[in-house]
Amino acid sequence: IVVISVSDNGIGIKPDKMTKLFDIS
């Protein structure tokens, strides 16, 4: 497989929001 990453030194994401990023609901 190929592991691809896009990283930044920006503002970051709060832990409680990370669990919701990929959920349409």
PDB file of all heavy atoms in Angstrom:
ATOM      1  N   ILE A   1       0.849  -1.197   0.000  1.00  0.00           N
ATOM      2  CA  ILE A   1       0.000   0.000   0.000  1.00  0.00           C
ATOM      3  C   ILE A   1       0.886   1.250   0.000  1.00  0.00           C
ATOM      4  O   ILE A   1       2.089   1.173   0.258  1.00  0.00           O
ATOM      5  CB  ILE A   1      -0.949   0.065   1.222  1.00  0.00           C
ATOM      6  CG1 ILE A   1      -0.144   0.138   2.522  1.00  0.00           C
ATOM      7  CG2 ILE A   1      -1.922  -1.090   1.222  1.00  0.00           C
ATOM      8  CD1 ILE A   1      -0.978   0.396   3.756  1.00  0.00           C
ATOM      9  N   VAL A   2       0.272   2.366  -0.296  1.00  0.00           N
ATOM     10  CA  VAL A   2       0.956   3.655  -0.173  1.00  0.00           C
ATOM     11  C   VAL A   2       0.241   4.450   0.914  1.00  0.00           C
ATOM     12  O   VAL A   2      -0.983   4.574   0.892  1.00  0.00           O
ATOM     13  CB  VAL A   2       0.931   4.443  -1.499  1.00  0.00           C
ATOM     14  CG1 VAL A   2       1.513   5.839  -1.296  1.00  0.00           C
ATOM     15  CG2 VAL A   2       1.705   3.718  -2.581  1.00  0.00           C
ATOM     16  N   VAL A   3       1.013   4.949   1.863  1.00  0.00           N
ATOM     17  CA  VAL A   3       0.464   5.796   2.917  1.00  0.00           C
ATOM     18  C   VAL A   3       0.751   7.245   2.526  1.00  0.00           C
ATOM     19  O   VAL A   3       1.904   7.641   2.371  1.00  0.00           O
ATOM     20  CB  VAL A   3       1.084   5.496   4.286  1.00  0.00           C
ATOM     21  CG1 VAL A   3       0.468   6.409   5.357  1.00  0.00           C
ATOM     22  CG2 VAL A   3       0.887   4.037   4.662  1.00  0.00           C
ATOM     23  N   ILE A   4      -0.300   8.011   2.328  1.00  0.00           N
ATOM     24  CA  ILE A   4      -0.184   9.402   1.894  1.00  0.00           C
ATOM     25  C   ILE A   4      -0.591  10.310   3.052  1.00  0.00           C
ATOM     26  O   ILE A   4      -1.574  10.039   3.749  1.00  0.00           O
ATOM     27  CB  ILE A   4      -1.087   9.664   0.675  1.00  0.00           C
ATOM     28  CG1 ILE A   4      -0.637   8.791  -0.505  1.00  0.00           C
ATOM     29  CG2 ILE A   4      -1.082  11.142   0.286  1.00  0.00           C
ATOM     30  CD1 ILE A   4      -1.672   8.658  -1.598  1.00  0.00           C
ATOM     31  N   SER A   5       0.174  11.372   3.253  1.00  0.00           N
ATOM     32  CA  SER A   5      -0.159  12.280   4.347  1.00  0.00           C
ATOM     33  C   SER A   5      -0.086  13.732   3.889  1.00  0.00           C
ATOM     34  O   SER A   5       0.727  14.102   3.050  1.00  0.00           O
ATOM     35  CB  SER A   5       0.794  12.075   5.533  1.00  0.00           C
ATOM     36  OG  SER A   5       2.110  12.481   5.203  1.00  0.00           O
ATOM     37  N   VAL A   6      -0.974  14.533   4.441  1.00  0.00           N
ATOM     38  CA  VAL A   6      -0.984  15.988   4.236  1.00  0.00           C
ATOM     39  C   VAL A   6      -0.955  16.607   5.625  1.00  0.00           C
ATOM     40  O   VAL A   6      -1.905  16.471   6.389  1.00  0.00           O
ATOM     41  CB  VAL A   6      -2.237  16.452   3.464  1.00  0.00           C
ATOM     42  CG1 VAL A   6      -2.236  17.977   3.339  1.00  0.00           C
ATOM     43  CG2 VAL A   6      -2.305  15.807   2.093  1.00  0.00           C
ATOM     44  N   SER A   7       0.152  17.255   5.952  1.00  0.00           N
ATOM     45  CA  SER A   7       0.299  17.824   7.292  1.00  0.00           C
ATOM     46  C   SER A   7       0.517  19.332   7.238  1.00  0.00           C
ATOM     47  O   SER A   7       1.002  19.872   6.242  1.00  0.00           O
ATOM     48  CB  SER A   7       1.476  17.155   8.021  1.00  0.00           C
ATOM     49  OG  SER A   7       2.690  17.361   7.316  1.00  0.00           O
ATOM     50  N   ASP A   8       0.142  20.006   8.316  1.00  0.00           N
ATOM     51  CA  ASP A   8       0.313  21.454   8.402  1.00  0.00           C
ATOM     52  C   ASP A   8       0.690  21.844   9.823  1.00  0.00           C
ATOM     53  O   ASP A   8       0.609  21.030  10.744  1.00  0.00           O
ATOM     54  CB  ASP A   8      -0.981  22.172   7.985  1.00  0.00           C
ATOM     55  CG  ASP A   8      -2.150  21.849   8.897  1.00  0.00           C
ATOM     56  OD1 ASP A   8      -2.100  22.212  10.088  1.00  0.00           O
ATOM     57  OD2 ASP A   8      -3.124  21.221   8.431  1.00  0.00           O
ATOM     58  N   ASN A   9       1.139  23.090   9.984  1.00  0.00           N
ATOM     59  CA  ASN A   9       1.448  23.606  11.317  1.00  0.00           C
ATOM     60  C   ASN A   9       0.422  24.664  11.710  1.00  0.00           C
ATOM     61  O   ASN A   9       0.753  25.696  12.279  1.00  0.00           O
ATOM     62  CB  ASN A   9       2.875  24.171  11.374  1.00  0.00           C
ATOM     63  CG  ASN A   9       3.085  25.353  10.423  1.00  0.00           C
ATOM     64  OD1 ASN A   9       2.250  25.621   9.555  1.00  0.00           O
ATOM     65  ND2 ASN A   9       4.200  26.050  10.568  1.00  0.00           N
ATOM     66  N   GLY A  10      -0.828  24.360  11.368  1.00  0.00           N
ATOM     67  CA  GLY A  10      -1.926  25.294  11.598  1.00  0.00           C
ATOM     68  C   GLY A  10      -2.522  25.241  12.985  1.00  0.00           C
ATOM     69  O   GLY A  10      -1.858  24.888  13.962  1.00  0.00           O
ATOM     70  N   ILE A  11      -3.815  25.542  13.064  1.00  0.00           N
ATOM     71  CA  ILE A  11      -4.471  25.732  14.361  1.00  0.00           C
ATOM     72  C   ILE A  11      -4.840  24.424  15.053  1.00  0.00           C
ATOM     73  O   ILE A  11      -5.137  24.410  16.243  1.00  0.00           O
ATOM     74  CB  ILE A  11      -5.740  26.601  14.210  1.00  0.00           C
ATOM     75  CG1 ILE A  11      -6.745  25.935  13.260  1.00  0.00           C
ATOM     76  CG2 ILE A  11      -5.365  27.989  13.713  1.00  0.00           C
ATOM     77  CD1 ILE A  11      -8.055  26.710  13.122  1.00  0.00           C
ATOM     78  N   GLY A  12      -4.811  23.306  14.314  1.00  0.00           N
ATOM     79  CA  GLY A  12      -5.136  22.023  14.921  1.00  0.00           C
ATOM     80  C   GLY A  12      -6.628  21.817  15.133  1.00  0.00           C
ATOM     81  O   GLY A  12      -7.447  22.696  14.844  1.00  0.00           O
ATOM     82  N   ILE A  13      -6.963  20.634  15.639  1.00  0.00           N
ATOM     83  CA  ILE A  13      -8.374  20.251  15.822  1.00  0.00           C
ATOM     84  C   ILE A  13      -8.593  19.767  17.251  1.00  0.00           C
ATOM     85  O   ILE A  13      -7.807  18.972  17.772  1.00  0.00           O
ATOM     86  CB  ILE A  13      -8.765  19.118  14.847  1.00  0.00           C
ATOM     87  CG1 ILE A  13      -8.429  19.518  13.403  1.00  0.00           C
ATOM     88  CG2 ILE A  13     -10.250  18.777  14.972  1.00  0.00           C
ATOM     89  CD1 ILE A  13      -8.498  18.353  12.436  1.00  0.00           C
ATOM     90  N   LYS A  14      -9.656  20.240  17.870  1.00  0.00           N
ATOM     91  CA  LYS A  14      -9.976  19.801  19.224  1.00  0.00           C
ATOM     92  C   LYS A  14     -10.368  18.321  19.213  1.00  0.00           C
ATOM     93  O   LYS A  14     -11.019  17.853  18.285  1.00  0.00           O
ATOM     94  CB  LYS A  14     -11.124  20.633  19.789  1.00  0.00           C
ATOM     95  CG  LYS A  14     -10.770  22.101  20.000  1.00  0.00           C
ATOM     96  CD  LYS A  14     -11.962  22.876  20.545  1.00  0.00           C
ATOM     97  CE  LYS A  14     -11.597  24.349  20.750  1.00  0.00           C
ATOM     98  NZ  LYS A  14     -12.755  25.136  21.256  1.00  0.00           N
ATOM     99  N   PRO A  15      -9.975  17.558  20.254  1.00  0.00           N
ATOM    100  CA  PRO A  15     -10.261  16.125  20.311  1.00  0.00           C
ATOM    101  C   PRO A  15     -11.725  15.776  20.100  1.00  0.00           C
ATOM    102  O   PRO A  15     -12.052  14.802  19.425  1.00  0.00           O
ATOM    103  CB  PRO A  15      -9.792  15.728  21.723  1.00  0.00           C
ATOM    104  CG  PRO A  15      -8.710  16.719  22.027  1.00  0.00           C
ATOM    105  CD  PRO A  15      -9.178  18.005  21.413  1.00  0.00           C
ATOM    106  N   ASP A  16     -12.642  16.573  20.659  1.00  0.00           N
ATOM    107  CA  ASP A  16     -14.062  16.247  20.544  1.00  0.00           C
ATOM    108  C   ASP A  16     -14.578  16.432  19.123  1.00  0.00           C
ATOM    109  O   ASP A  16     -15.597  15.854  18.734  1.00  0.00           O
ATOM    110  CB  ASP A  16     -14.898  17.104  21.508  1.00  0.00           C
ATOM    111  CG  ASP A  16     -14.785  18.599  21.204  1.00  0.00           C
ATOM    112  OD1 ASP A  16     -13.656  19.072  20.988  1.00  0.00           O
ATOM    113  OD2 ASP A  16     -15.820  19.282  21.186  1.00  0.00           O
ATOM    114  N   LYS A  17     -13.858  17.231  18.310  1.00  0.00           N
ATOM    115  CA  LYS A  17     -14.264  17.438  16.919  1.00  0.00           C
ATOM    116  C   LYS A  17     -13.686  16.387  15.985  1.00  0.00           C
ATOM    117  O   LYS A  17     -14.247  16.111  14.927  1.00  0.00           O
ATOM    118  CB  LYS A  17     -13.855  18.837  16.451  1.00  0.00           C
ATOM    119  CG  LYS A  17     -14.706  19.955  17.023  1.00  0.00           C
ATOM    120  CD  LYS A  17     -14.453  21.275  16.311  1.00  0.00           C
ATOM    121  CE  LYS A  17     -15.431  22.349  16.789  1.00  0.00           C
ATOM    122  NZ  LYS A  17     -15.245  23.625  16.048  1.00  0.00           N
ATOM    123  N   MET A  18     -12.541  15.810  16.359  1.00  0.00           N
ATOM    124  CA  MET A  18     -11.892  14.830  15.482  1.00  0.00           C
ATOM    125  C   MET A  18     -12.762  13.609  15.226  1.00  0.00           C
ATOM    126  O   MET A  18     -12.746  13.035  14.147  1.00  0.00           O
ATOM    127  CB  MET A  18     -10.539  14.410  16.070  1.00  0.00           C
ATOM    128  CG  MET A  18      -9.448  15.441  15.860  1.00  0.00           C
ATOM    129  SD  MET A  18      -7.785  14.759  16.035  1.00  0.00           S
ATOM    130  CE  MET A  18      -7.713  14.493  17.787  1.00  0.00           C
ATOM    131  N   THR A  19     -13.541  13.212  16.224  1.00  0.00           N
ATOM    132  CA  THR A  19     -14.381  12.028  16.083  1.00  0.00           C
ATOM    133  C   THR A  19     -15.576  12.263  15.162  1.00  0.00           C
ATOM    134  O   THR A  19     -16.240  11.318  14.750  1.00  0.00           O
ATOM    135  CB  THR A  19     -14.899  11.570  17.465  1.00  0.00           C
ATOM    136  OG1 THR A  19     -15.644  12.641  18.061  1.00  0.00           O
ATOM    137  CG2 THR A  19     -13.736  11.198  18.377  1.00  0.00           C
ATOM    138  N   LYS A  20     -15.852  13.529  14.834  1.00  0.00           N
ATOM    139  CA  LYS A  20     -17.024  13.863  14.023  1.00  0.00           C
ATOM    140  C   LYS A  20     -16.689  14.202  12.571  1.00  0.00           C
ATOM    141  O   LYS A  20     -17.582  14.375  11.744  1.00  0.00           O
ATOM    142  CB  LYS A  20     -17.761  15.055  14.645  1.00  0.00           C
ATOM    143  CG  LYS A  20     -18.187  14.840  16.092  1.00  0.00           C
ATOM    144  CD  LYS A  20     -18.776  16.112  16.682  1.00  0.00           C
ATOM    145  CE  LYS A  20     -19.144  15.932  18.138  1.00  0.00           C
ATOM    146  NZ  LYS A  20     -19.675  17.177  18.742  1.00  0.00           N
ATOM    147  N   LEU A  21     -15.388  14.325  12.258  1.00  0.00           N
ATOM    148  CA  LEU A  21     -14.976  14.832  10.955  1.00  0.00           C
ATOM    149  C   LEU A  21     -15.476  14.017   9.775  1.00  0.00           C
ATOM    150  O   LEU A  21     -15.792  14.564   8.720  1.00  0.00           O
ATOM    151  CB  LEU A  21     -13.438  14.898  10.892  1.00  0.00           C
ATOM    152  CG  LEU A  21     -12.769  15.943  11.776  1.00  0.00           C
ATOM    153  CD1 LEU A  21     -11.250  15.812  11.679  1.00  0.00           C
ATOM    154  CD2 LEU A  21     -13.201  17.350  11.385  1.00  0.00           C
ATOM    155  N   PHE A  22     -15.548  12.702   9.930  1.00  0.00           N
ATOM    156  CA  PHE A  22     -15.880  11.825   8.809  1.00  0.00           C
ATOM    157  C   PHE A  22     -17.297  11.254   8.905  1.00  0.00           C
ATOM    158  O   PHE A  22     -17.634  10.301   8.208  1.00  0.00           O
ATOM    159  CB  PHE A  22     -14.875  10.673   8.719  1.00  0.00           C
ATOM    160  CG  PHE A  22     -13.444  11.128   8.596  1.00  0.00           C
ATOM    161  CD1 PHE A  22     -12.583  11.046   9.674  1.00  0.00           C
ATOM    162  CD2 PHE A  22     -12.966  11.650   7.396  1.00  0.00           C
ATOM    163  CE1 PHE A  22     -11.263  11.469   9.562  1.00  0.00           C
ATOM    164  CE2 PHE A  22     -11.649  12.067   7.272  1.00  0.00           C
ATOM    165  CZ  PHE A  22     -10.794  11.984   8.360  1.00  0.00           C
ATOM    166  N   ASP A  23     -18.117  11.845   9.770  1.00  0.00           N
ATOM    167  CA  ASP A  23     -19.471  11.332  10.019  1.00  0.00           C
ATOM    168  C   ASP A  23     -20.503  12.303   9.432  1.00  0.00           C
ATOM    169  O   ASP A  23     -20.603  13.444   9.873  1.00  0.00           O
ATOM    170  CB  ASP A  23     -19.685  11.171  11.525  1.00  0.00           C
ATOM    171  CG  ASP A  23     -21.009  10.507  11.866  1.00  0.00           C
ATOM    172  OD1 ASP A  23     -21.863  10.351  10.952  1.00  0.00           O
ATOM    173  OD2 ASP A  23     -21.199  10.147  13.037  1.00  0.00           O
ATOM    174  N   ILE A  24     -21.279  11.841   8.437  1.00  0.00           N
ATOM    175  CA  ILE A  24     -22.262  12.703   7.778  1.00  0.00           C
ATOM    176  C   ILE A  24     -23.322  13.192   8.759  1.00  0.00           C
ATOM    177  O   ILE A  24     -23.837  14.304   8.623  1.00  0.00           O
ATOM    178  CB  ILE A  24     -22.937  11.960   6.596  1.00  0.00           C
ATOM    179  CG1 ILE A  24     -23.861  12.898   5.820  1.00  0.00           C
ATOM    180  CG2 ILE A  24     -23.671  10.731   7.075  1.00  0.00           C
ATOM    181  CD1 ILE A  24     -23.185  14.040   5.126  1.00  0.00           C
ATOM    182  N   SER A  25     -23.632  12.402   9.772  1.00  0.00           N
ATOM    183  CA  SER A  25     -24.652  12.807  10.737  1.00  0.00           C
ATOM    184  C   SER A  25     -24.141  13.888  11.681  1.00  0.00           C
ATOM    185  O   SER A  25     -24.919  14.530  12.389  1.00  0.00           O
ATOM    186  CB  SER A  25     -25.124  11.601  11.562  1.00  0.00           C
ATOM    187  OG  SER A  25     -24.093  11.113  12.401  1.00  0.00           O
TER     188      SER A  25
END
